[in-house]
C-alpha atoms as a PDB file:
ATOM      1  CA  MET A   1     193.263 -58.123  35.795  1.00  0.00           C
ATOM      2  CA  LYS A   2     194.623 -55.565  37.841  1.00  0.00           C
ATOM      3  CA  ASN A   3     194.066 -55.771  41.838  1.00  0.00           C
ATOM      4  CA  THR A   4     193.362 -52.530  43.983  1.00  0.00           C
ATOM      5  CA  THR A   5     196.971 -51.938  44.794  1.00  0.00           C
ATOM      6  CA  GLN A   6     197.673 -51.767  41.067  1.00  0.00           C
ATOM      7  CA  LEU A   7     195.042 -49.363  40.276  1.00  0.00           C
ATOM      8  CA  LYS A   8     195.916 -47.194  43.457  1.00  0.00           C
ATOM      9  CA  ARG A   9     199.405 -46.887  42.125  1.00  0.00           C
ATOM     10  CA  SER A  10     198.102 -45.924  38.531  1.00  0.00           C
ATOM     11  CA  ARG A  11     195.891 -43.187  40.333  1.00  0.00           C
ATOM     12  CA  ARG A  12     198.975 -41.987  42.566  1.00  0.00           C
ATOM     13  CA  THR A  13     201.071 -41.648  39.197  1.00  0.00           C
ATOM     14  CA  PHE A  14     198.390 -39.519  37.632  1.00  0.00           C
ATOM     15  CA  ILE A  15     197.621 -37.178  40.573  1.00  0.00           C
ATOM     16  CA  ALA A  16     201.522 -36.613  41.094  1.00  0.00           C
ATOM     17  CA  LYS A  17     201.889 -35.535  37.694  1.00  0.00           C
ATOM     18  CA  LEU A  18     198.772 -33.389  37.082  1.00  0.00           C
ATOM     19  CA  ALA A  19     197.612 -32.732  40.942  1.00  0.00           C
ATOM     20  CA  LEU A  20     194.519 -34.244  42.244  1.00  0.00           C
ATOM     21  CA  PHE A  21     192.233 -31.293  42.282  1.00  0.00           C
ATOM     22  CA  LEU A  22     191.712 -30.391  38.771  1.00  0.00           C
ATOM     23  CA  THR A  23     188.453 -28.869  37.753  1.00  0.00           C
ATOM     24  CA  PHE A  24     186.224 -31.267  35.620  1.00  0.00           C
ATOM     25  CA  SER A  25     186.412 -28.861  32.819  1.00  0.00           C
ATOM     26  CA  SER A  26     190.143 -29.201  32.252  1.00  0.00           C
ATOM     27  CA  VAL A  27     191.166 -30.492  28.685  1.00  0.00           C
ATOM     28  CA  VAL A  28     191.863 -34.399  29.219  1.00  0.00           C
ATOM     29  CA  THR A  29     193.384 -34.510  25.820  1.00  0.00           C
ATOM     30  CA  ALA A  30     196.565 -32.853  26.916  1.00  0.00           C
ATOM     31  CA  PHE A  31     197.278 -35.645  29.419  1.00  0.00           C
ATOM     32  CA  ALA A  32     198.934 -37.639  26.622  1.00  0.00           C
ATOM     33  CA  ALA A  33     197.944 -40.840  28.436  1.00  0.00           C
ATOM     34  CA  ASP A  34     199.332 -44.238  27.040  1.00  0.00           C
ATOM     35  CA  SER A  35     196.613 -46.366  28.601  1.00  0.00           C
ATOM     36  CA  LEU A  36     193.028 -45.995  30.437  1.00  0.00           C
ATOM     37  CA  GLU A  37     194.456 -46.276  33.936  1.00  0.00           C
ATOM     38  CA  GLN A  38     196.105 -42.868  33.317  1.00  0.00           C
ATOM     39  CA  TYR A  39     192.673 -41.174  32.973  1.00  0.00           C
ATOM     40  CA  PRO A  40     190.752 -40.577  36.247  1.00  0.00           C
ATOM     41  CA  GLY A  41     187.496 -41.847  34.452  1.00  0.00           C
ATOM     42  CA  ILE A  42     186.337 -45.359  34.775  1.00  0.00           C
ATOM     43  CA  ILE A  43     184.152 -47.257  32.495  1.00  0.00           C
ATOM     44  CA  GLY A  44     181.490 -49.597  34.363  1.00  0.00           C
ATOM     45  CA  LYS A  45     178.651 -51.854  33.460  1.00  0.00           C
ATOM     46  CA  ASP A  46     175.262 -50.583  32.080  1.00  0.00           C
ATOM     47  CA  GLU A  47     176.854 -47.304  30.678  1.00  0.00           C
ATOM     48  CA  TRP A  48     177.781 -46.420  34.159  1.00  0.00           C
ATOM     49  CA  LEU A  49     180.883 -43.820  34.868  1.00  0.00           C
ATOM     50  CA  PHE A  50     183.136 -43.787  38.013  1.00  0.00           C
ATOM     51  CA  TYR A  51     185.829 -41.409  39.300  1.00  0.00           C
ATOM     52  CA  ARG A  52     188.989 -43.354  39.911  1.00  0.00           C
ATOM     53  CA  ASN A  53     189.736 -41.075  42.880  1.00  0.00           C
ATOM     54  CA  GLU A  54     187.198 -43.006  45.216  1.00  0.00           C
ATOM     55  CA  LEU A  55     189.918 -46.050  44.957  1.00  0.00           C
ATOM     56  CA  THR A  56     191.259 -46.028  48.521  1.00  0.00           C
ATOM     57  CA  SER A  57     193.317 -48.625  50.992  1.00  0.00           C
ATOM     58  CA  SER A  58     195.078 -48.610  53.971  1.00  0.00           C
ATOM     59  CA  GLU A  59     197.882 -46.509  52.550  1.00  0.00           C
ATOM     60  CA  ASP A  60     195.404 -43.447  53.032  1.00  0.00           C
ATOM     61  CA  ALA A  61     194.806 -44.123  56.806  1.00  0.00           C
ATOM     62  CA  PRO A  62     197.336 -41.226  57.896  1.00  0.00           C
ATOM     63  CA  GLY A  63     195.840 -38.662  55.979  1.00  0.00           C
ATOM     64  CA  ALA A  64     192.278 -39.791  56.949  1.00  0.00           C
ATOM     65  CA  LYS A  65     193.491 -39.610  60.577  1.00  0.00           C
ATOM     66  CA  ASN A  66     194.828 -35.941  60.325  1.00  0.00           C
ATOM     67  CA  SER A  67     191.569 -34.905  58.796  1.00  0.00           C
ATOM     68  CA  LEU A  68     189.563 -36.363  61.491  1.00  0.00           C
ATOM     69  CA  SER A  69     191.759 -34.900  64.358  1.00  0.00           C
ATOM     70  CA  LEU A  70     191.484 -31.428  62.660  1.00  0.00           C
ATOM     71  CA  ILE A  71     187.609 -31.391  62.710  1.00  0.00           C
ATOM     72  CA  GLN A  72     187.487 -32.701  66.133  1.00  0.00           C
ATOM     73  CA  GLN A  73     189.628 -29.794  67.300  1.00  0.00           C
ATOM     74  CA  PHE A  74     187.540 -27.459  64.934  1.00  0.00           C
ATOM     75  CA  ASN A  75     184.336 -28.871  66.651  1.00  0.00           C
ATOM     76  CA  GLN A  76     185.611 -28.132  70.055  1.00  0.00           C
ATOM     77  CA  VAL A  77     186.561 -24.199  68.954  1.00  0.00           C
ATOM     78  CA  LEU A  78     182.878 -24.022  67.743  1.00  0.00           C
ATOM     79  CA  GLN A  79     181.419 -25.303  70.823  1.00  0.00           C
ATOM     80  CA  LYS A  80     183.308 -22.908  73.047  1.00  0.00           C
ATOM     81  CA  LYS A  81     181.733 -20.200  70.739  1.00  0.00           C
ATOM     82  CA  GLY A  82     178.157 -21.723  70.964  1.00  0.00           C
ATOM     83  CA  VAL A  83     177.938 -23.050  67.758  1.00  0.00           C
ATOM     84  CA  GLN A  84     176.732 -26.674  66.858  1.00  0.00           C
ATOM     85  CA  LEU A  85     178.564 -28.653  64.160  1.00  0.00           C
ATOM     86  CA  LEU A  86     177.123 -31.455  62.072  1.00  0.00           C
ATOM     87  CA  ILE A  87     179.609 -33.271  59.679  1.00  0.00           C
ATOM     88  CA  VAL A  88     177.989 -34.672  56.590  1.00  0.00           C
ATOM     89  CA  MET A  89     180.007 -37.078  54.710  1.00  0.00           C
ATOM     90  CA  VAL A  90     178.773 -38.229  51.203  1.00  0.00           C
ATOM     91  CA  PRO A  91     179.444 -41.760  50.449  1.00  0.00           C
ATOM     92  CA  ILE A  92     181.568 -42.912  47.567  1.00  0.00           C
ATOM     93  CA  LYS A  93     179.336 -43.542  44.555  1.00  0.00           C
ATOM     94  CA  MET A  94     181.493 -46.916  44.078  1.00  0.00           C
ATOM     95  CA  ARG A  95     179.930 -48.514  47.219  1.00  0.00           C
ATOM     96  CA  ILE A  96     176.684 -47.064  46.744  1.00  0.00           C
ATOM     97  CA  HIS A  97     176.219 -48.436  43.163  1.00  0.00           C
ATOM     98  CA  GLU A  98     179.012 -51.287  43.327  1.00  0.00           C
ATOM     99  CA  GLU A  99     176.944 -53.500  41.222  1.00  0.00           C
ATOM    100  CA  HIS A 100     178.014 -51.291  38.092  1.00  0.00           C
ATOM    101  CA  LEU A 101     181.600 -51.460  38.614  1.00  0.00           C
ATOM    102  CA  PRO A 102     183.867 -53.281  35.690  1.00  0.00           C
ATOM    103  CA  ASP A 103     184.784 -56.599  36.412  1.00  0.00           C
ATOM    104  CA  ASP A 104     188.430 -55.687  37.147  1.00  0.00           C
ATOM    105  CA  ILE A 105     187.614 -53.221  39.945  1.00  0.00           C
ATOM    106  CA  LYS A 106     186.329 -54.439  43.291  1.00  0.00           C
ATOM    107  CA  ILE A 107     185.344 -52.743  46.586  1.00  0.00           C
ATOM    108  CA  ASN A 108     188.220 -53.854  48.919  1.00  0.00           C
ATOM    109  CA  ASP A 109     187.768 -54.542  52.765  1.00  0.00           C
ATOM    110  CA  TYR A 110     189.134 -50.687  53.741  1.00  0.00           C
ATOM    111  CA  MET A 111     186.945 -49.090  51.266  1.00  0.00           C
ATOM    112  CA  ARG A 112     183.726 -51.120  52.347  1.00  0.00           C
ATOM    113  CA  SER A 113     184.207 -50.197  55.958  1.00  0.00           C
ATOM    114  CA  ASN A 114     185.983 -46.811  55.606  1.00  0.00           C
ATOM    115  CA  TYR A 115     182.998 -44.747  55.992  1.00  0.00           C
ATOM    116  CA  GLU A 116     181.576 -46.628  59.269  1.00  0.00           C
ATOM    117  CA  ARG A 117     185.372 -46.479  60.476  1.00  0.00           C
ATOM    118  CA  MET A 118     185.584 -42.407  60.132  1.00  0.00           C
ATOM    119  CA  LEU A 119     181.858 -42.129  61.335  1.00  0.00           C
ATOM    120  CA  ALA A 120     182.644 -44.003  64.429  1.00  0.00           C
ATOM    121  CA  THR A 121     185.875 -42.111  64.852  1.00  0.00           C
ATOM    122  CA  LEU A 122     184.105 -38.690  64.822  1.00  0.00           C
ATOM    123  CA  ARG A 123     181.168 -39.753  66.894  1.00  0.00           C
ATOM    124  CA  SER A 124     183.550 -41.358  69.818  1.00  0.00           C
ATOM    125  CA  SER A 125     185.116 -38.067  69.943  1.00  0.00           C
ATOM    126  CA  GLY A 126     181.916 -35.954  70.232  1.00  0.00           C
ATOM    127  CA  VAL A 127     181.544 -34.574  66.937  1.00  0.00           C
ATOM    128  CA  THR A 128     177.909 -35.021  65.860  1.00  0.00           C
ATOM    129  CA  SER A 129     177.797 -36.745  62.303  1.00  0.00           C
ATOM    130  CA  VAL A 130     175.200 -38.135  60.270  1.00  0.00           C
ATOM    131  CA  ASP A 131     175.150 -41.827  58.441  1.00  0.00           C
ATOM    132  CA  LEU A 132     174.233 -41.275  55.111  1.00  0.00           C
ATOM    133  CA  ASN A 133     176.152 -44.355  53.597  1.00  0.00           C
ATOM    134  CA  THR A 134     173.649 -46.525  55.578  1.00  0.00           C
ATOM    135  CA  ALA A 135     170.646 -44.621  54.220  1.00  0.00           C
ATOM    136  CA  PHE A 136     171.909 -44.731  50.979  1.00  0.00           C
ATOM    137  CA  LEU A 137     172.608 -48.371  50.758  1.00  0.00           C
ATOM    138  CA  LYS A 138     169.080 -49.097  52.347  1.00  0.00           C
ATOM    139  CA  SER A 139     167.246 -46.747  49.831  1.00  0.00           C
ATOM    140  CA  PRO A 140     165.171 -48.670  47.271  1.00  0.00           C
ATOM    141  CA  HIS A 141     166.080 -45.668  44.762  1.00  0.00           C
ATOM    142  CA  ARG A 142     169.773 -47.253  44.780  1.00  0.00           C
ATOM    143  CA  THR A 143     168.531 -49.934  42.106  1.00  0.00           C
ATOM    144  CA  SER A 144     165.702 -47.987  40.564  1.00  0.00           C
ATOM    145  CA  ASP A 145     165.378 -45.893  37.371  1.00  0.00           C
ATOM    146  CA  THR A 146     166.096 -42.945  39.592  1.00  0.00           C
ATOM    147  CA  PRO A 147     169.495 -43.844  41.347  1.00  0.00           C
ATOM    148  CA  LEU A 148     171.051 -41.814  44.078  1.00  0.00           C
ATOM    149  CA  PHE A 149     174.036 -40.813  41.849  1.00  0.00           C
ATOM    150  CA  PHE A 150     174.038 -39.943  38.193  1.00  0.00           C
ATOM    151  CA  ARG A 151     175.530 -42.542  36.041  1.00  0.00           C
ATOM    152  CA  LEU A 152     177.879 -40.216  33.899  1.00  0.00           C
ATOM    153  CA  ASP A 153     178.590 -37.768  36.847  1.00  0.00           C
ATOM    154  CA  THR A 154     180.524 -37.799  40.163  1.00  0.00           C
ATOM    155  CA  HIS A 155     177.756 -35.902  41.699  1.00  0.00           C
ATOM    156  CA  TRP A 156     174.435 -37.405  43.438  1.00  0.00           C
ATOM    157  CA  ALA A 157     171.266 -36.807  41.554  1.00  0.00           C
ATOM    158  CA  LYS A 158     168.324 -34.993  42.996  1.00  0.00           C
ATOM    159  CA  THR A 159     167.063 -38.311  44.522  1.00  0.00           C
ATOM    160  CA  GLY A 160     170.417 -38.797  46.453  1.00  0.00           C
ATOM    161  CA  ALA A 161     170.331 -34.938  47.213  1.00  0.00           C
ATOM    162  CA  MET A 162     166.829 -35.242  48.885  1.00  0.00           C
ATOM    163  CA  LEU A 163     167.543 -38.397  50.732  1.00  0.00           C
ATOM    164  CA  ALA A 164     170.475 -36.710  52.106  1.00  0.00           C
ATOM    165  CA  ALA A 165     168.220 -33.700  53.218  1.00  0.00           C
ATOM    166  CA  GLU A 166     165.730 -36.139  54.933  1.00  0.00           C
ATOM    167  CA  THR A 167     168.372 -38.072  56.576  1.00  0.00           C
ATOM    168  CA  ILE A 168     169.969 -34.994  58.130  1.00  0.00           C
ATOM    169  CA  GLY A 169     166.641 -33.755  59.173  1.00  0.00           C
ATOM    170  CA  ALA A 170     165.816 -36.967  61.049  1.00  0.00           C
ATOM    171  CA  GLU A 171     169.294 -36.982  62.650  1.00  0.00           C
ATOM    172  CA  ILE A 172     168.549 -33.635  64.080  1.00  0.00           C
ATOM    173  CA  LEU A 173     165.283 -34.369  65.336  1.00  0.00           C
ATOM    174  CA  SER A 174     166.815 -37.223  67.061  1.00  0.00           C
ATOM    175  CA  ASN A 175     169.408 -35.516  68.830  1.00  0.00           C
ATOM    176  CA  PRO A 176     168.361 -33.583  71.865  1.00  0.00           C
ATOM    177  CA  VAL A 177     171.077 -30.860  71.505  1.00  0.00           C
ATOM    178  CA  LEU A 178     170.399 -30.223  67.703  1.00  0.00           C
ATOM    179  CA  LYS A 179     166.792 -30.597  68.289  1.00  0.00           C
ATOM    180  CA  ASN A 180     166.946 -27.889  70.913  1.00  0.00           C
ATOM    181  CA  THR A 181     169.084 -25.668  68.893  1.00  0.00           C
ATOM    182  CA  ILE A 182     166.676 -25.782  65.691  1.00  0.00           C
ATOM    183  CA  SER A 183     163.602 -25.241  67.760  1.00  0.00           C
ATOM    184  CA  GLN A 184     165.038 -21.771  68.382  1.00  0.00           C
ATOM    185  CA  ILE A 185     165.482 -20.918  64.821  1.00  0.00           C
ATOM    186  CA  PRO A 186     162.060 -19.426  63.010  1.00  0.00           C
ATOM    187  CA  THR A 187     160.596 -21.726  60.708  1.00  0.00           C
ATOM    188  CA  GLN A 188     159.924 -20.656  57.194  1.00  0.00           C
ATOM    189  CA  SER A 189     157.619 -22.111  54.518  1.00  0.00           C
ATOM    190  CA  TYR A 190     158.938 -24.032  51.672  1.00  0.00           C
ATOM    191  CA  THR A 191     157.480 -26.547  49.267  1.00  0.00           C
ATOM    192  CA  LEU A 192     158.504 -29.160  47.016  1.00  0.00           C
ATOM    193  CA  THR A 193     157.459 -29.602  43.337  1.00  0.00           C
ATOM    194  CA  THR A 194     158.434 -32.685  41.273  1.00  0.00           C
ATOM    195  CA  GLY A 195     158.114 -32.802  37.582  1.00  0.00           C
ATOM    196  CA  LYS A 196     155.588 -35.357  35.879  1.00  0.00           C
ATOM    197  CA  ALA A 197     157.899 -36.394  33.222  1.00  0.00           C
ATOM    198  CA  LYS A 198     161.522 -37.170  33.047  1.00  0.00           C
ATOM    199  CA  GLY A 199     163.789 -34.209  31.297  1.00  0.00           C
ATOM    200  CA  ALA A 200     167.402 -34.726  30.180  1.00  0.00           C
ATOM    201  CA  THR A 201     170.023 -33.574  32.525  1.00  0.00           C
ATOM    202  CA  ARG A 202     173.342 -32.543  31.307  1.00  0.00           C
ATOM    203  CA  SER A 203     175.354 -33.547  34.437  1.00  0.00           C
ATOM    204  CA  ARG A 204     178.130 -35.867  33.076  1.00  0.00           C
ATOM    205  CA  ASP A 205     181.470 -34.513  34.187  1.00  0.00           C
ATOM    206  CA  ILE A 206     182.934 -38.039  33.957  1.00  0.00           C
ATOM    207  CA  LEU A 207     183.046 -37.828  30.337  1.00  0.00           C
ATOM    208  CA  GLN A 208     185.681 -35.324  30.476  1.00  0.00           C
ATOM    209  CA  LEU A 209     187.858 -37.481  32.498  1.00  0.00           C
ATOM    210  CA  LEU A 210     187.862 -40.257  29.614  1.00  0.00           C
ATOM    211  CA  PRO A 211     190.259 -40.415  26.584  1.00  0.00           C
ATOM    212  CA  PRO A 212     188.888 -38.472  24.014  1.00  0.00           C
ATOM    213  CA  ASP A 213     188.218 -41.490  21.688  1.00  0.00           C
ATOM    214  CA  SER A 214     186.389 -43.282  24.279  1.00  0.00           C
ATOM    215  CA  PRO A 215     182.729 -44.787  23.088  1.00  0.00           C
ATOM    216  CA  ALA A 216     181.242 -43.680  26.503  1.00  0.00           C
ATOM    217  CA  ARG A 217     181.731 -40.091  25.474  1.00  0.00           C
ATOM    218  CA  LYS A 218     178.603 -40.652  23.225  1.00  0.00           C
ATOM    219  CA  TYR A 219     176.353 -42.347  25.878  1.00  0.00           C
ATOM    220  CA  PRO A 220     173.182 -40.486  25.805  1.00  0.00           C
ATOM    221  CA  TYR A 221     171.857 -37.965  28.431  1.00  0.00           C
ATOM    222  CA  GLU A 222     170.644 -39.271  31.410  1.00  0.00           C
ATOM    223  CA  ARG A 223     166.766 -38.367  32.158  1.00  0.00           C
ATOM    224  CA  TYR A 224     165.561 -37.328  35.658  1.00  0.00           C
ATOM    225  CA  PHE A 225     162.131 -36.065  36.998  1.00  0.00           C
ATOM    226  CA  SER A 226     163.057 -32.527  37.974  1.00  0.00           C
ATOM    227  CA  MET A 227     162.609 -31.385  41.700  1.00  0.00           C
ATOM    228  CA  SER A 228     162.266 -27.837  42.832  1.00  0.00           C
ATOM    229  CA  VAL A 229     161.959 -26.165  46.296  1.00  0.00           C
ATOM    230  CA  SER A 230     160.617 -22.585  46.537  1.00  0.00           C
ATOM    231  CA  ARG A 231     159.783 -20.488  49.532  1.00  0.00           C
ATOM    232  CA  THR A 232     155.806 -19.702  49.892  1.00  0.00           C
ATOM    233  CA  ASP A 233     156.052 -17.242  52.778  1.00  0.00           C
ATOM    234  CA  VAL A 234     158.055 -14.539  51.380  1.00  0.00           C
ATOM    235  CA  ASN A 235     157.133 -10.833  52.325  1.00  0.00           C
ATOM    236  CA  ASN A 236     158.181  -7.242  50.940  1.00  0.00           C
ATOM    237  CA  SER A 237     160.935  -7.431  53.585  1.00  0.00           C
ATOM    238  CA  ASP A 238     162.567 -10.424  52.150  1.00  0.00           C
ATOM    239  CA  LEU A 239     162.022  -8.991  48.652  1.00  0.00           C
ATOM    240  CA  LEU A 240     164.033  -5.964  49.622  1.00  0.00           C
ATOM    241  CA  GLY A 241     166.830  -7.997  51.167  1.00  0.00           C
ATOM    242  CA  LYS A 242     166.377  -6.667  54.645  1.00  0.00           C
ATOM    243  CA  GLN A 243     165.850 -10.197  56.482  1.00  0.00           C
ATOM    244  CA  GLU A 244     168.320 -11.089  58.821  1.00  0.00           C
ATOM    245  CA  SER A 245     170.997 -13.927  57.999  1.00  0.00           C
ATOM    246  CA  PRO A 246     170.060 -17.363  58.379  1.00  0.00           C
ATOM    247  CA  ASP A 247     170.771 -19.103  61.692  1.00  0.00           C
ATOM    248  CA  ILE A 248     171.827 -22.149  59.844  1.00  0.00           C
ATOM    249  CA  GLY A 249     174.977 -22.250  57.652  1.00  0.00           C
ATOM    250  CA  LEU A 250     175.901 -25.119  55.237  1.00  0.00           C
ATOM    251  CA  VAL A 251     179.483 -25.237  53.611  1.00  0.00           C
ATOM    252  CA  GLY A 252     180.105 -27.905  51.305  1.00  0.00           C
ATOM    253  CA  SER A 253     181.776 -29.279  48.362  1.00  0.00           C
ATOM    254  CA  SER A 254     180.448 -29.199  44.578  1.00  0.00           C
ATOM    255  CA  TYR A 255     177.880 -31.480  45.967  1.00  0.00           C
ATOM    256  CA  THR A 256     176.486 -28.629  47.880  1.00  0.00           C
ATOM    257  CA  ILE A 257     176.474 -25.966  44.727  1.00  0.00           C
ATOM    258  CA  ASP A 258     172.930 -24.831  44.095  1.00  0.00           C
ATOM    259  CA  TRP A 259     172.278 -26.783  40.736  1.00  0.00           C
ATOM    260  CA  THR A 260     172.663 -30.048  42.732  1.00  0.00           C
ATOM    261  CA  GLY A 261     169.452 -29.369  44.871  1.00  0.00           C
ATOM    262  CA  PHE A 262     171.057 -30.293  48.225  1.00  0.00           C
ATOM    263  CA  ALA A 263     170.739 -26.977  49.933  1.00  0.00           C
ATOM    264  CA  ASP A 264     167.098 -26.620  48.804  1.00  0.00           C
ATOM    265  CA  GLY A 265     166.424 -30.037  49.838  1.00  0.00           C
ATOM    266  CA  LEU A 266     167.380 -29.150  53.370  1.00  0.00           C
ATOM    267  CA  ARG A 267     165.532 -25.974  53.519  1.00  0.00           C
ATOM    268  CA  TYR A 268     162.368 -28.260  52.408  1.00  0.00           C
ATOM    269  CA  SER A 269     163.347 -30.977  55.197  1.00  0.00           C
ATOM    270  CA  LEU A 270     163.684 -28.546  57.980  1.00  0.00           C
ATOM    271  CA  GLN A 271     161.593 -25.705  56.838  1.00  0.00           C
ATOM    272  CA  LYS A 272     164.333 -23.346  57.793  1.00  0.00           C
ATOM    273  CA  ASN A 273     166.435 -20.673  55.742  1.00  0.00           C
ATOM    274  CA  ILE A 274     169.693 -21.844  55.204  1.00  0.00           C
ATOM    275  CA  PHE A 275     173.045 -20.082  54.174  1.00  0.00           C
ATOM    276  CA  SER A 276     174.979 -22.314  51.800  1.00  0.00           C
ATOM    277  CA  ILE A 277     178.344 -22.177  50.108  1.00  0.00           C
ATOM    278  CA  GLY A 278     180.036 -24.658  48.031  1.00  0.00           C
ATOM    279  CA  VAL A 279     183.622 -24.777  46.481  1.00  0.00           C
ATOM    280  CA  SER A 280     185.076 -26.724  43.783  1.00  0.00           C
ATOM    281  CA  ALA A 281     187.416 -29.511  44.226  1.00  0.00           C
ATOM    282  CA  THR A 282     190.013 -27.429  43.165  1.00  0.00           C
ATOM    283  CA  GLN A 283     189.991 -25.304  46.588  1.00  0.00           C
ATOM    284  CA  GLY A 284     189.091 -28.264  48.676  1.00  0.00           C
ATOM    285  CA  SER A 285     186.703 -28.573  51.905  1.00  0.00           C
ATOM    286  CA  TRP A 286     189.219 -27.015  53.974  1.00  0.00           C
ATOM    287  CA  VAL A 287     189.579 -23.899  52.044  1.00  0.00           C
ATOM    288  CA  GLY A 288     185.965 -23.619  51.833  1.00  0.00           C
ATOM    289  CA  MET A 289     185.548 -23.824  55.429  1.00  0.00           C
ATOM    290  CA  GLU A 290     188.011 -20.834  55.728  1.00  0.00           C
ATOM    291  CA  THR A 291     186.295 -18.811  53.198  1.00  0.00           C
ATOM    292  CA  TYR A 292     183.030 -18.901  54.908  1.00  0.00           C
ATOM    293  CA  LEU A 293     184.462 -17.925  58.480  1.00  0.00           C
ATOM    294  CA  ARG A 294     185.944 -15.013  56.647  1.00  0.00           C
ATOM    295  CA  ASP A 295     182.543 -14.211  54.948  1.00  0.00           C
ATOM    296  CA  ASP A 296     180.203 -11.458  56.608  1.00  0.00           C
ATOM    297  CA  ALA A 297     177.652 -14.234  57.010  1.00  0.00           C
ATOM    298  CA  PHE A 298     179.771 -15.708  59.709  1.00  0.00           C
ATOM    299  CA  GLN A 299     181.463 -12.643  61.243  1.00  0.00           C
ATOM    300  CA  THR A 300     178.430 -10.716  61.880  1.00  0.00           C
ATOM    301  CA  ASN A 301     176.082 -13.283  62.447  1.00  0.00           C
ATOM    302  CA  PRO A 302     177.495 -16.774  63.129  1.00  0.00           C
ATOM    303  CA  PRO A 303     174.946 -19.496  62.897  1.00  0.00           C
ATOM    304  CA  LYS A 304     173.578 -21.597  65.489  1.00  0.00           C
ATOM    305  CA  LEU A 305     174.041 -24.776  63.551  1.00  0.00           C
ATOM    306  CA  LEU A 306     176.774 -25.345  61.065  1.00  0.00           C
ATOM    307  CA  LEU A 307     176.621 -28.211  58.836  1.00  0.00           C
ATOM    308  CA  TRP A 308     179.905 -29.201  56.877  1.00  0.00           C
ATOM    309  CA  GLU A 309     179.548 -31.541  53.937  1.00  0.00           C
ATOM    310  CA  ILE A 310     182.706 -33.100  52.977  1.00  0.00           C
ATOM    311  CA  PRO A 311     182.967 -35.989  50.380  1.00  0.00           C
ATOM    312  CA  GLU A 312     184.236 -39.147  51.833  1.00  0.00           C
ATOM    313  CA  ARG A 313     186.651 -39.583  49.121  1.00  0.00           C
ATOM    314  CA  ASP A 314     188.636 -36.073  50.294  1.00  0.00           C
ATOM    315  CA  MET A 315     188.988 -37.175  54.061  1.00  0.00           C
ATOM    316  CA  TYR A 316     192.332 -38.445  53.143  1.00  0.00           C
ATOM    317  CA  ALA A 317     193.594 -35.189  52.032  1.00  0.00           C
ATOM    318  CA  PRO A 318     194.089 -32.765  54.966  1.00  0.00           C
ATOM    319  CA  PRO A 319     194.952 -28.989  54.400  1.00  0.00           C
ATOM    320  CA  ASP A 320     198.634 -30.305  53.721  1.00  0.00           C
ATOM    321  CA  TYR A 321     198.064 -32.925  51.006  1.00  0.00           C
ATOM    322  CA  LYS A 322     200.872 -32.533  48.778  1.00  0.00           C
ATOM    323  CA  TYR A 323     199.085 -33.055  45.317  1.00  0.00           C
ATOM    324  CA  ARG A 324     196.856 -30.215  46.021  1.00  0.00           C
ATOM    325  CA  GLU A 325     197.004 -26.833  43.978  1.00  0.00           C
ATOM    326  CA  ALA A 326     200.286 -25.393  45.335  1.00  0.00           C
ATOM    327  CA  ARG A 327     198.326 -22.109  46.296  1.00  0.00           C
ATOM    328  CA  TYR A 328     195.966 -23.997  48.393  1.00  0.00           C
ATOM    329  CA  ILE A 329     198.345 -26.346  50.619  1.00  0.00           C
ATOM    330  CA  LEU A 330     198.677 -25.220  53.903  1.00  0.00           C
ATOM    331  CA  SER A 331     199.909 -26.865  57.063  1.00  0.00           C
ATOM    332  CA  ASN A 332     197.396 -28.618  59.208  1.00  0.00           C
ATOM    333  CA  ALA A 333     198.442 -26.509  62.300  1.00  0.00           C
ATOM    334  CA  GLU A 334     198.157 -23.108  60.426  1.00  0.00           C
ATOM    335  CA  TRP A 335     194.558 -24.132  58.954  1.00  0.00           C
ATOM    336  CA  LEU A 336     193.372 -24.752  62.466  1.00  0.00           C
ATOM    337  CA  LYS A 337     195.102 -21.480  64.055  1.00  0.00           C
ATOM    338  CA  ARG A 338     193.510 -19.502  61.081  1.00  0.00           C
ATOM    339  CA  VAL A 339     189.995 -20.999  61.629  1.00  0.00           C
ATOM    340  CA  THR A 340     190.298 -20.694  65.381  1.00  0.00           C
ATOM    341  CA  ASP A 341     190.998 -16.882  64.843  1.00  0.00           C
ATOM    342  CA  LEU A 342     188.182 -16.321  62.504  1.00  0.00           C
ATOM    343  CA  VAL A 343     185.728 -18.301  64.963  1.00  0.00           C
ATOM    344  CA  ASN A 344     186.930 -16.172  68.001  1.00  0.00           C
ATOM    345  CA  LYS A 345     186.485 -12.834  66.190  1.00  0.00           C
ATOM    346  CA  ALA A 346     183.042 -13.459  65.500  1.00  0.00           C
ATOM    347  CA  PRO A 347     180.093 -12.580  68.038  1.00  0.00           C
ATOM    348  CA  THR A 348     178.322 -15.279  70.010  1.00  0.00           C
ATOM    349  CA  PRO A 349     175.487 -16.517  68.056  1.00  0.00           C
END
C-alpha cells in the first residue's frame, strides 16, 4: 500500500517529465508509462475516477503562500481602482467525494484542512472569498444520484455548478459592501429549465489520463438531468449587440467554460448579466486573469464586481511554477507588475 508521500513522489516524477498543465486531449499512450502511478488518472470505487494532481502535502505550502500573497496584492490594486474582487476556490473532488477513493489513497491532514486554511488567509488579509467547500460537503447532492462532480471527469456537474452559483449569491447578499455594489447593477431576467429525464453526458476527461488498456475506459456514460438558463427580457437593442458591457466579470479555469453551466448559473442566481472567460489548464489562472485585463471588456468598461474562480488544486502553482509550459512561466513580481499596469490603464468603473 502506497502512502501519500509515495504517491506525491510519483506525481512529481510524472509532471517533471511531461509538465503539469497538459490539456486533457493529449494522447496518453505516448507516455510509455510502466505503472499506473505514472498516469494522472486514478481509478476509485463504484466506477469513480480521480485526478492525481489533487494530492497535496505540506511540500506545496510555499507555492500556495506565494499564490495567496499575489492575490492579496492584486486585490489591493483593484480596490484602489474601485473594483470589488471575490475569490471563488473550487474544492478538490477527492475531498468532496472521498468515499469513492480507492483504499490505497487517503485524504491526509494537510489536504483535509487546506481549503479552510487558504480561505482564512485570504479573508484575514481583506480578500473577500466564498466558502464552497463547506457548502459542497453539507449538500445532500454529494451522496445522491446527481453528485456535485462528474464520476469520470475532473469538473463539477451542473448540480455542483448551480450550488456554487447559489452559494456565491448568498455570500454577496450577506456582505454589505458587495450587496451595495450589486444593487447598483441593472437587473435582468433569467429563467432556469431542468430536463424531466436524465440524458447521457460525454464529460469524461479522466478516461484520457488512464492507461490505454484500462478497463475503466469502457465505463458507460454518466446520466444527468439537463439544466439550461435563458434570458427572458431580451430586446431589439440586445439582439443588435448594442447593450453595454456587463458590470460583473467572471474569470476562471475550465470550470468556468460555458459547457459547465457555471456562468449561466451565476446569471440566474444573481439575475444579472455577466461577462465570463474561462481558460484551459495549459494556460492557468494567472494567464487567464491577465488575458481578461487586456481585453476591451475590461479596458473600456471595468466591472464593479470581479469574480475570480481558481481550482484549489492550482493554488500551489503561482506564475513562476517551473512545471508549467515554458511560454506561460512568468516571475511572480513580473505578473503583479503587468496586471497592476493593466488595471491602472483602465478607466474607473
